[in-house]
């Protein structure tokens, strides 16, 4: 793999490349702790300049009045730029997050696909001529909100960035993108690509920085018409309270503690492969990871034995090694937090069937072994709270009613996996689980055409799909009189 130079550390402030004036951010390679880039993040003053430039750019008639097919053509050019820089984007994201190169290449390709799908959807996104109830013509039209803020997480930045930026631009807005401080670089690369594609200056800013400074500004500023946030539930709650003060719409894609359900008739080899991928890919740093595994009691012991044996074969190592399946976690601080949760589970009575420790021989990298815990009830702390690491809790269940009750007995409702050959049962259980996404005999598959979001503490709103563009627009009703007669109530003239 060719080594590419990292972005130079300047921020993209309303279309202008400038050194940030906020707190210092140090991007490191999680596999060995080496430094990628040292940069200054965005300060409140930087954010204010970005907002002023965005307001001017978004109000420009050339942008607001741009025909849908012309805006779609611009989105296609951004997709072209992503595809032309696929290797570079993948390299930067692997260095920035520690994800395997195979995964970051797929994420970059996904981002290009998101811009292409959004462009196609935009060209066919019609407004409605509604049925009148009088002598008038009625229409429902949609218009841009103006300025929107997109706050994205460190675990899959390029894909998360695209899922917010593409529909927001398609809707005619200007976008203020705040990537996570642990992974700021790939969003800056996206800004470079968008600029090269001809996106008018000011319509996209990339502002990595502290949440208490730049994040609060984006949420509280009166000119920002919506915030789309992906991240932790606690932060999402705070953001929602701030947004409520200004009656601003938000979309929140938050945490998860997703159940995976294995019935006694499941195809065992298919199921084990799906479970391994569903919880241990991305080193478990995924909101939709299937971290609560419910196995029907009649097959529980032998199934878990095979799963543990399979887990021990997973290759943990360098994210640039094509054979690696489990890469380092994003940061040693995060790795240590996951280890602390596993230690707390041990103290609560968990049996560690495999993993549960930092592997030997991998130097200073932020690694943690794929871990399976057993012997705890569904009420145990680690079965309730999101770990965001390669940790799986295994629990038995008796029958369909039992597993539905246990699966739903959690604050989160983001995703669910069901493994069975019985299609009617799969359908019944899928409809009974309170969640945003259900996979049947597969897991962690995504389509940009299919809406995504959560229930309960997993969030509010949906991203993706054709309606993903409408989520960044305001609906307006227009009535056009067809009679030419004065309103009779006025009795004039």
Protein backbone atom coordinates (compact mmCIF):
# COMPACT_ATOMS: atom_id res chain seq x y z
CA UNK A 1 0.00 0.00 0.00
CA UNK A 2 1.35 3.40 -1.00
CA UNK A 3 1.77 5.81 1.89
CA UNK A 4 -0.08 9.06 1.21
CA UNK A 5 0.67 12.40 2.82
CA UNK A 6 -1.80 13.41 5.50
CA UNK A 7 -3.95 16.55 5.07
CA UNK A 8 -1.86 19.56 6.09
CA UNK A 9 -3.91 20.38 9.18
CA UNK A 10 -5.63 23.54 7.98
CA UNK A 11 -9.39 23.75 8.48
CA UNK A 12 -11.93 24.41 5.76
CA UNK A 13 -13.68 27.50 7.12
CA UNK A 14 -16.48 28.62 4.83
CA UNK A 15 -14.54 27.61 1.73
CA UNK A 16 -11.22 29.07 2.90
CA UNK A 17 -8.30 26.93 4.10
CA UNK A 18 -7.15 28.44 7.39
CA UNK A 19 -5.21 27.37 10.45
CA UNK A 20 -7.60 26.76 13.32
CA UNK A 21 -7.39 28.91 16.44
CA UNK A 22 -8.88 26.42 18.91
CA UNK A 23 -7.32 23.76 21.11
CA UNK A 24 -4.64 21.49 19.66
CA UNK A 25 -5.71 18.15 18.18
CA UNK A 26 -3.24 15.31 17.72
CA UNK A 27 -4.23 12.54 15.32
CA UNK A 28 -2.38 9.30 16.07
CA UNK A 29 -2.18 5.87 14.44
CA UNK A 30 -3.89 3.51 16.91
CA UNK A 31 -1.74 0.53 15.89
CA UNK A 32 1.45 2.02 17.36
CA UNK A 33 0.67 5.48 18.73
CA UNK A 34 2.72 7.31 16.09
CA UNK A 35 1.62 10.81 15.15
CA UNK A 36 -0.31 11.44 11.92
CA UNK A 37 -0.83 15.18 12.17
CA UNK A 38 -0.86 17.86 14.83
CA UNK A 39 -3.34 20.66 14.16
CA UNK A 40 -5.32 23.39 15.84
CA UNK A 41 -9.03 22.71 16.02
CA UNK A 42 -11.82 25.18 15.38
CA UNK A 43 -12.51 27.89 17.92
CA UNK A 44 -15.79 29.73 18.41
CA UNK A 45 -14.38 32.57 16.30
CA UNK A 46 -13.58 30.12 13.48
CA UNK A 47 -17.12 28.80 13.67
CA UNK A 48 -18.58 32.31 13.54
CA UNK A 49 -16.61 33.02 10.34
CA UNK A 50 -17.77 29.74 8.82
CA UNK A 51 -21.39 30.57 9.62
CA UNK A 52 -21.13 34.08 8.13
CA UNK A 53 -19.61 32.74 4.93
CA UNK A 54 -22.16 29.91 4.77
CA UNK A 55 -25.07 32.34 5.10
CA UNK A 56 -23.75 34.38 2.20
CA UNK A 57 -23.12 31.32 0.03
CA UNK A 58 -26.50 29.73 0.77
CA UNK A 59 -28.38 32.95 0.02
CA UNK A 60 -26.71 33.34 -3.39
CA UNK A 61 -29.46 33.02 -6.05
CA UNK A 62 -27.07 30.95 -8.17
CA UNK A 63 -27.20 28.26 -5.45
CA UNK A 64 -30.74 28.66 -4.13
CA UNK A 65 -32.15 28.75 -7.65
CA UNK A 66 -30.00 25.97 -9.06
CA UNK A 67 -32.09 23.37 -10.85
CA UNK A 68 -32.21 19.92 -9.28
CA UNK A 69 -30.44 18.26 -12.20
CA UNK A 70 -27.58 20.77 -12.01
CA UNK A 71 -27.20 20.22 -8.27
CA UNK A 72 -27.28 16.47 -8.95
CA UNK A 73 -24.50 16.89 -11.50
CA UNK A 74 -22.38 18.55 -8.80
CA UNK A 75 -23.01 15.65 -6.41
CA UNK A 76 -21.93 13.21 -9.13
CA UNK A 77 -18.68 15.14 -9.53
CA UNK A 78 -18.01 14.83 -5.80
CA UNK A 79 -18.63 11.09 -6.13
CA UNK A 80 -16.16 11.00 -9.02
CA UNK A 81 -13.60 12.74 -6.83
CA UNK A 82 -14.07 10.26 -3.99
CA UNK A 83 -13.63 7.33 -6.36
CA UNK A 84 -10.53 8.88 -7.93
CA UNK A 85 -9.04 9.24 -4.44
CA UNK A 86 -10.25 5.95 -2.99
CA UNK A 87 -6.81 4.66 -2.00
CA UNK A 88 -5.82 7.97 -0.46
CA UNK A 89 -9.04 8.26 1.55
CA UNK A 90 -8.73 4.68 2.78
CA UNK A 91 -5.12 5.21 3.84
CA UNK A 92 -5.92 8.42 5.72
CA UNK A 93 -8.87 6.84 7.51
CA UNK A 94 -6.91 3.74 8.50
CA UNK A 95 -4.14 5.91 9.92
CA UNK A 96 -6.70 8.13 11.66
CA UNK A 97 -9.00 5.42 13.12
CA UNK A 98 -7.05 2.15 13.08
CA UNK A 99 -9.69 0.40 10.98
CA UNK A 100 -8.49 -2.25 8.55
CA UNK A 101 -7.61 -0.99 5.10
CA UNK A 102 -10.17 -3.40 3.65
CA UNK A 103 -12.90 -1.74 5.71
CA UNK A 104 -11.85 1.85 5.06
CA UNK A 105 -11.70 1.16 1.31
CA UNK A 106 -15.26 -0.15 1.47
CA UNK A 107 -16.36 2.88 3.51
CA UNK A 108 -14.86 5.28 0.97
CA UNK A 109 -16.63 3.45 -1.86
CA UNK A 110 -19.84 3.63 0.17
CA UNK A 111 -19.44 7.40 0.52
CA UNK A 112 -19.15 7.75 -3.25
CA UNK A 113 -22.27 5.61 -3.63
CA UNK A 114 -24.12 7.84 -1.18
CA UNK A 115 -23.42 10.94 -3.29
CA UNK A 116 -24.48 9.09 -6.46
CA UNK A 117 -27.70 7.75 -4.97
CA UNK A 118 -28.56 11.15 -3.52
CA UNK A 119 -27.97 12.77 -6.89
CA UNK A 120 -30.30 10.28 -8.60
CA UNK A 121 -32.96 10.64 -5.90
CA UNK A 122 -32.78 14.44 -6.14
CA UNK A 123 -33.54 14.43 -9.86
CA UNK A 124 -36.75 12.46 -9.30
CA UNK A 125 -37.89 14.06 -6.03
CA UNK A 126 -41.21 15.62 -6.96
CA UNK A 127 -43.34 18.06 -5.01
CA UNK A 128 -47.07 17.45 -4.79
CA UNK A 129 -50.16 19.02 -6.29
CA UNK A 130 -52.65 18.38 -3.49
CA UNK A 131 -56.41 17.85 -3.78
CA UNK A 132 -58.21 21.21 -3.30
CA UNK A 133 -61.44 21.68 -1.33
CA UNK A 134 -62.42 24.93 -3.00
CA UNK A 135 -61.79 27.09 -6.04
CA UNK A 136 -58.06 27.26 -5.65
CA UNK A 137 -54.94 25.36 -6.63
CA UNK A 138 -52.96 23.81 -3.75
CA UNK A 139 -49.37 22.71 -3.76
CA UNK A 140 -46.95 21.27 -1.24
CA UNK A 141 -43.37 22.34 -1.92
CA UNK A 142 -40.11 21.84 -0.07
CA UNK A 143 -37.36 24.40 0.45
CA UNK A 144 -33.90 24.34 2.05
CA UNK A 145 -33.59 25.00 5.75
CA UNK A 146 -30.59 27.24 5.08
CA UNK A 147 -27.70 26.22 7.32
CA UNK A 148 -27.44 22.76 8.83
CA UNK A 149 -24.84 21.35 11.19
CA UNK A 150 -23.62 17.78 10.84
CA UNK A 151 -21.79 16.26 13.82
CA UNK A 152 -20.18 12.92 13.00
CA UNK A 153 -18.45 10.20 15.08
CA UNK A 154 -14.93 8.83 14.95
CA UNK A 155 -15.80 5.22 14.12
CA UNK A 156 -16.83 5.55 10.42
CA UNK A 157 -16.20 9.18 9.49
CA UNK A 158 -16.20 9.15 5.68
CA UNK A 159 -19.44 7.15 5.46
CA UNK A 160 -21.13 9.17 8.22
CA UNK A 161 -19.97 12.44 6.65
CA UNK A 162 -21.43 11.49 3.27
CA UNK A 163 -24.76 10.37 4.75
CA UNK A 164 -25.26 13.87 6.15
CA UNK A 165 -23.45 16.15 3.70
CA UNK A 166 -24.86 14.68 0.47
CA UNK A 167 -28.60 15.02 1.29
CA UNK A 168 -28.09 18.38 3.02
CA UNK A 169 -26.40 19.80 -0.09
CA UNK A 170 -28.97 18.15 -2.34
CA UNK A 171 -31.68 19.97 -0.41
CA UNK A 172 -29.97 23.30 -1.14
CA UNK A 173 -28.40 23.99 2.25
CA UNK A 174 -24.95 25.01 3.41
CA UNK A 175 -23.33 22.46 5.70
CA UNK A 176 -21.18 22.96 8.79
CA UNK A 177 -19.47 19.61 9.40
CA UNK A 178 -17.90 18.88 12.78
CA UNK A 179 -15.92 15.62 12.74
CA UNK A 180 -14.72 13.98 15.96
CA UNK A 181 -11.38 15.14 17.36
CA UNK A 182 -10.08 11.55 17.39
CA UNK A 183 -10.57 11.30 13.59
CA UNK A 184 -10.47 14.76 12.00
CA UNK A 185 -8.46 14.11 8.86
CA UNK A 186 -10.71 12.30 6.41
CA UNK A 187 -13.43 14.98 6.64
CA UNK A 188 -10.83 17.56 5.64
CA UNK A 189 -10.00 15.36 2.65
CA UNK A 190 -13.70 15.30 1.72
CA UNK A 191 -13.73 19.11 1.78
CA UNK A 192 -10.76 19.18 -0.60
CA UNK A 193 -12.56 16.84 -2.99
CA UNK A 194 -15.81 18.83 -2.85
CA UNK A 195 -13.94 22.05 -3.56
CA UNK A 196 -12.14 20.46 -6.53
CA UNK A 197 -15.52 19.23 -7.83
CA UNK A 198 -16.73 22.83 -8.04
CA UNK A 199 -18.86 23.17 -4.91
CA UNK A 200 -19.29 26.92 -4.43
CA UNK A 201 -17.17 28.35 -1.63
CA UNK A 202 -18.90 28.59 1.73
CA UNK A 203 -21.36 25.75 1.26
CA UNK A 204 -19.19 23.26 3.18
CA UNK A 205 -17.07 23.92 6.25
CA UNK A 206 -15.11 21.29 8.18
CA UNK A 207 -14.63 22.30 11.80
CA UNK A 208 -13.04 19.68 14.07
CA UNK A 209 -12.87 20.88 17.64
CA UNK A 210 -14.10 20.59 21.19
CA UNK A 211 -17.79 19.88 21.61
CA UNK A 212 -18.10 22.41 24.43
CA UNK A 213 -16.86 25.14 22.09
CA UNK A 214 -17.54 24.54 18.42
CA UNK A 215 -20.24 21.92 19.01
CA UNK A 216 -22.23 24.19 21.30
CA UNK A 217 -21.92 27.06 18.83
CA UNK A 218 -23.35 25.00 15.99
CA UNK A 219 -26.28 23.83 18.10
CA UNK A 220 -27.10 27.18 19.69
CA UNK A 221 -26.48 29.64 16.85
CA UNK A 222 -29.80 31.14 15.63
CA UNK A 223 -28.78 30.83 11.97
CA UNK A 224 -28.43 27.04 12.14
CA UNK A 225 -31.73 25.46 11.14
CA UNK A 226 -31.06 21.81 11.96
CA UNK A 227 -28.47 19.58 13.59
CA UNK A 228 -27.88 16.01 12.49
CA UNK A 229 -25.86 14.14 15.10
CA UNK A 230 -24.38 10.65 15.28
CA UNK A 231 -22.73 9.72 18.55
CA UNK A 232 -23.33 8.80 22.17
CA UNK A 233 -26.74 8.89 23.81
CA UNK A 234 -25.69 11.17 26.69
CA UNK A 235 -24.38 13.79 24.26
CA UNK A 236 -27.48 13.36 22.12
CA UNK A 237 -29.74 14.11 25.07
CA UNK A 238 -27.80 17.29 25.84
CA UNK A 239 -27.99 18.36 22.21
CA UNK A 240 -31.73 17.70 22.11
CA UNK A 241 -32.27 19.90 25.17
CA UNK A 242 -30.27 22.70 23.57
CA UNK A 243 -32.20 22.36 20.31
CA UNK A 244 -35.51 22.44 22.15
CA UNK A 245 -34.70 25.93 23.44
CA UNK A 246 -34.72 27.25 19.88
CA UNK A 247 -37.39 24.83 18.57
CA UNK A 248 -34.92 23.45 16.06
CA UNK A 249 -35.37 20.04 14.41
CA UNK A 250 -32.71 17.43 15.11
CA UNK A 251 -31.93 13.93 13.94
CA UNK A 252 -30.09 11.79 16.46
CA UNK A 253 -28.45 8.45 15.66
CA UNK A 254 -27.25 7.30 19.06
CA UNK A 255 -26.15 4.17 20.90
CA UNK A 256 -27.18 0.55 20.68
CA UNK A 257 -27.19 -2.74 22.56
CA UNK A 258 -28.52 -4.84 19.76
CA UNK A 259 -29.85 -8.38 20.30
CA UNK A 260 -28.90 -11.27 18.05
CA UNK A 261 -31.28 -14.23 18.31
CA UNK A 262 -30.33 -17.80 17.37
CA UNK A 263 -33.16 -20.34 17.17
CA UNK A 264 -32.51 -24.07 17.38
CA UNK A 265 -33.17 -24.60 13.66
CA UNK A 266 -30.59 -22.03 12.49
CA UNK A 267 -27.88 -22.94 9.98
CA UNK A 268 -24.98 -23.08 12.43
CA UNK A 269 -22.09 -22.27 10.07
CA UNK A 270 -24.00 -19.40 8.47
CA UNK A 271 -24.98 -18.09 11.89
CA UNK A 272 -21.52 -18.21 13.44
CA UNK A 273 -20.01 -16.37 10.48
CA UNK A 274 -22.71 -13.72 10.76
CA UNK A 275 -22.30 -13.28 14.50
CA UNK A 276 -18.52 -12.92 14.23
CA UNK A 277 -18.93 -10.23 11.60
CA UNK A 278 -21.80 -8.54 13.41
CA UNK A 279 -19.95 -7.99 16.67
CA UNK A 280 -16.19 -8.20 16.03
CA UNK A 281 -15.76 -6.41 12.69
CA UNK A 282 -14.75 -2.77 13.18
CA UNK A 283 -13.30 -4.10 16.48
CA UNK A 284 -16.81 -3.84 17.88
CA UNK A 285 -16.77 -0.04 17.48
CA UNK A 286 -20.16 0.08 15.83
CA UNK A 287 -23.47 1.32 17.14
CA UNK A 288 -25.31 -1.58 15.50
CA UNK A 289 -22.96 -4.31 16.74
CA UNK A 290 -24.90 -7.39 17.86
CA UNK A 291 -23.52 -7.41 21.39
CA UNK A 292 -26.31 -9.37 23.17
CA UNK A 293 -26.45 -12.92 21.83
CA UNK A 294 -29.54 -14.94 22.76
CA UNK A 295 -29.21 -18.67 21.98
CA UNK A 296 -32.11 -21.10 22.37
CA UNK A 297 -31.38 -23.31 25.38
CA UNK A 298 -31.73 -26.60 23.46
CA UNK A 299 -28.57 -25.79 21.41
CA UNK A 300 -26.94 -23.26 23.73
CA UNK A 301 -23.92 -25.17 25.05
CA UNK A 302 -22.74 -26.75 21.82
CA UNK A 303 -23.40 -23.59 19.81
CA UNK A 304 -21.45 -21.40 22.23
CA UNK A 305 -18.54 -23.87 22.25
CA UNK A 306 -18.28 -23.64 18.45
CA UNK A 307 -18.62 -19.86 18.55
CA UNK A 308 -15.81 -19.52 21.08
CA UNK A 309 -13.57 -21.79 19.01
CA UNK A 310 -14.30 -19.69 15.90
CA UNK A 311 -13.65 -16.44 17.77
CA UNK A 312 -10.21 -17.64 18.81
CA UNK A 313 -9.26 -18.03 15.13
CA UNK A 314 -9.83 -14.34 14.34
CA UNK A 315 -6.59 -12.59 13.36
CA UNK A 316 -5.81 -9.56 15.50
CA UNK A 317 -3.13 -7.28 14.08
CA UNK A 318 -1.91 -4.49 11.83
CA UNK A 319 -4.79 -2.79 10.00
CA UNK A 320 -2.68 -2.60 6.83
CA UNK A 321 -2.23 -6.40 6.80
CA UNK A 322 -4.86 -7.86 4.41
CA UNK A 323 -5.25 -10.88 6.70
CA UNK A 324 -6.20 -8.80 9.75
CA UNK A 325 -9.81 -9.13 10.92
CA UNK A 326 -9.65 -7.33 14.27
CA UNK A 327 -7.64 -4.11 14.21
CA UNK A 328 -6.74 -1.77 17.07
CA UNK A 329 -9.34 0.38 18.74
CA UNK A 330 -9.38 4.08 17.95
CA UNK A 331 -7.39 5.21 21.01
CA UNK A 332 -5.73 3.68 24.06
CA UNK A 333 -8.07 5.66 26.30
CA UNK A 334 -11.06 4.05 24.65
CA UNK A 335 -9.42 0.62 24.81
CA UNK A 336 -8.81 1.08 28.53
CA UNK A 337 -12.46 2.05 29.04
CA UNK A 338 -13.59 -1.17 27.35
CA UNK A 339 -11.17 -3.21 29.47
CA UNK A 340 -12.56 -1.57 32.60
CA UNK A 341 -16.10 -2.58 31.63
CA UNK A 342 -14.98 -6.18 31.15
CA UNK A 343 -13.26 -6.13 34.55
CA UNK A 344 -16.46 -4.79 36.11
CA UNK A 345 -18.42 -7.61 34.46
CA UNK A 346 -15.99 -10.14 35.95
CA UNK A 347 -16.62 -8.64 39.36
CA UNK A 348 -20.36 -8.98 38.72
CA UNK A 349 -19.92 -12.70 38.04
CA UNK A 350 -19.20 -12.96 34.31
CA UNK A 351 -17.33 -15.98 32.99
CA UNK A 352 -14.80 -14.96 30.32
CA UNK A 353 -15.01 -17.66 27.65
CA UNK A 354 -12.32 -16.06 25.49
CA UNK A 355 -10.43 -12.80 25.23
CA UNK A 356 -10.92 -10.27 27.99
CA UNK A 357 -7.37 -8.95 27.78
CA UNK A 358 -4.85 -6.93 25.79
CA UNK A 359 -3.00 -9.25 23.37
CA UNK A 360 0.72 -9.79 23.71
CA UNK A 361 3.27 -8.95 21.04
CA UNK A 362 1.55 -5.94 19.48
CA UNK A 363 3.56 -3.19 21.12
CA UNK A 364 1.85 0.03 22.17
CA UNK A 365 -1.19 -0.40 19.92
CA UNK A 366 -4.72 0.08 21.25
CA UNK A 367 -5.63 -3.60 20.85
CA UNK A 368 -8.12 -5.71 22.79
CA UNK A 369 -8.89 -9.37 22.15
CA UNK A 370 -12.34 -10.43 20.89
CA UNK A 371 -14.18 -11.28 24.10
CA UNK A 372 -17.16 -13.50 24.91
CA UNK A 373 -18.80 -13.32 28.33
CA UNK A 374 -21.33 -15.74 29.80
CA UNK A 375 -23.04 -16.42 33.10
CA UNK A 376 -24.73 -13.04 33.49
CA UNK A 377 -28.44 -12.21 33.37
CA UNK A 378 -29.91 -9.73 30.90
CA UNK A 379 -30.09 -7.26 33.80
CA UNK A 380 -26.30 -7.16 34.32
CA UNK A 381 -24.63 -3.81 33.69
CA UNK A 382 -22.62 -4.98 30.67
CA UNK A 383 -25.82 -6.39 29.14
CA UNK A 384 -27.52 -3.02 29.54
CA UNK A 385 -24.86 -0.50 28.55
CA UNK A 386 -23.08 0.04 25.25
CA UNK A 387 -19.46 -1.11 25.38
CA UNK A 388 -18.42 -0.01 21.87
CA UNK A 389 -15.71 -2.63 21.72
CA UNK A 390 -15.20 -6.31 20.78
CA UNK A 391 -17.26 -7.72 23.65
CA UNK A 392 -20.17 -10.17 23.28
CA UNK A 393 -22.54 -11.28 26.06
CA UNK A 394 -24.17 -14.71 25.58
CA UNK A 395 -27.54 -15.47 27.20
CA UNK A 396 -29.91 -18.47 26.89
CA UNK A 397 -33.63 -18.30 26.10
CA UNK A 398 -36.48 -20.79 26.20
CA UNK A 399 -38.93 -19.89 23.45
CA UNK A 400 -40.16 -17.13 21.16
CA UNK A 401 -42.07 -15.24 23.85
CA UNK A 402 -39.10 -15.37 26.23
CA UNK A 403 -36.59 -14.02 23.73
CA UNK A 404 -38.89 -11.21 22.57
CA UNK A 405 -39.31 -10.09 26.18
CA UNK A 406 -35.57 -10.24 26.89
CA UNK A 407 -34.57 -8.56 23.63
CA UNK A 408 -36.97 -5.66 24.22
CA UNK A 409 -35.91 -5.30 27.85
CA UNK A 410 -33.28 -2.67 27.09
CA UNK A 411 -33.16 1.11 26.76
CA UNK A 412 -31.86 0.90 23.19
CA UNK A 413 -33.67 -0.06 20.00
CA UNK A 414 -31.28 0.30 17.09
CA UNK A 415 -30.83 -3.09 15.42
CA UNK A 416 -31.55 -6.82 15.74
CA UNK A 417 -30.39 -10.04 14.09
CA UNK A 418 -32.51 -13.18 13.75
CA UNK A 419 -31.15 -16.58 12.70
CA UNK A 420 -33.67 -19.27 11.78
CA UNK A 421 -34.89 -21.34 8.84
CA UNK A 422 -38.51 -20.69 9.88
CA UNK A 423 -39.59 -17.66 7.84
CA UNK A 424 -42.99 -17.11 9.56
CA UNK A 425 -41.25 -17.13 12.93
CA UNK A 426 -38.57 -14.74 11.68
CA UNK A 427 -41.32 -12.39 10.49
CA UNK A 428 -43.21 -12.54 13.78
CA UNK A 429 -40.12 -11.86 15.85
CA UNK A 430 -38.90 -9.10 13.52
CA UNK A 431 -42.21 -7.28 13.92
CA UNK A 432 -42.26 -7.80 17.69
CA UNK A 433 -38.81 -6.36 18.42
CA UNK A 434 -38.77 -2.60 19.07
CA UNK A 435 -35.91 -1.52 16.84
CA UNK A 436 -35.04 0.46 13.73
CA UNK A 437 -33.43 -2.31 11.65
CA UNK A 438 -33.78 -6.09 11.60
CA UNK A 439 -31.51 -8.49 9.73
CA UNK A 440 -32.70 -12.06 9.09
CA UNK A 441 -30.00 -14.67 8.43
CA UNK A 442 -27.50 -11.86 7.80
CA UNK A 443 -26.13 -8.92 9.72
CA UNK A 444 -24.66 -5.44 9.26
CA UNK A 445 -25.74 -5.14 5.64
CA UNK A 446 -26.65 -1.64 4.45
CA UNK A 447 -28.25 0.10 1.49
CA UNK A 448 -28.23 3.86 1.04
CA UNK A 449 -31.75 3.46 -0.39
CA UNK A 450 -33.10 2.00 2.88
CA UNK A 451 -33.84 4.35 5.81
CA UNK A 452 -31.80 3.90 8.98
CA UNK A 453 -32.36 5.05 12.55
CA UNK A 454 -33.32 3.91 16.01
CA UNK A 455 -36.05 3.71 18.61
CA UNK A 456 -36.02 4.53 22.33
CA UNK A 457 -32.57 5.71 23.49
CA UNK A 458 -31.09 4.82 20.10
CA UNK A 459 -32.26 8.06 18.59
CA UNK A 460 -34.80 10.16 16.71
CA UNK A 461 -35.38 10.40 12.98
CA UNK A 462 -34.08 8.51 9.96
CA UNK A 463 -31.24 8.93 7.49
CA UNK A 464 -30.84 7.55 3.95
CA UNK A 465 -33.50 6.78 1.37
CA UNK A 466 -35.31 9.30 -0.78
CA UNK A 467 -36.85 10.93 2.27
CA UNK A 468 -33.34 11.53 3.60
CA UNK A 469 -33.23 14.65 1.41
CA UNK A 470 -36.60 15.88 2.69
CA UNK A 471 -35.22 15.65 6.24
CA UNK A 472 -33.07 18.69 5.39
CA UNK A 473 -35.95 20.73 3.97
CA UNK A 474 -38.94 22.72 5.19
CA UNK A 475 -42.38 21.97 3.77
CA UNK A 476 -44.46 24.89 2.50
CA UNK A 477 -48.10 24.92 1.35
CA UNK A 478 -49.14 27.29 -1.46
CA UNK A 479 -52.75 28.22 -2.31
CA UNK A 480 -53.51 29.92 -5.64
CA UNK A 481 -56.98 31.42 -6.16
CA UNK A 482 -58.72 30.43 -9.38
CA UNK A 483 -61.82 32.68 -9.19
CA UNK A 484 -60.57 36.26 -9.29
CA UNK A 485 -63.44 37.19 -6.92
CA UNK A 486 -63.06 39.11 -3.64
CA UNK A 487 -63.54 37.20 -0.40
CA UNK A 488 -67.30 37.44 0.33
CA UNK A 489 -66.75 37.97 4.06
CA UNK A 490 -65.22 41.41 3.42
CA UNK A 491 -68.36 42.64 1.55
CA UNK A 492 -66.18 44.91 -0.50
CA UNK A 493 -66.19 46.48 -2.99
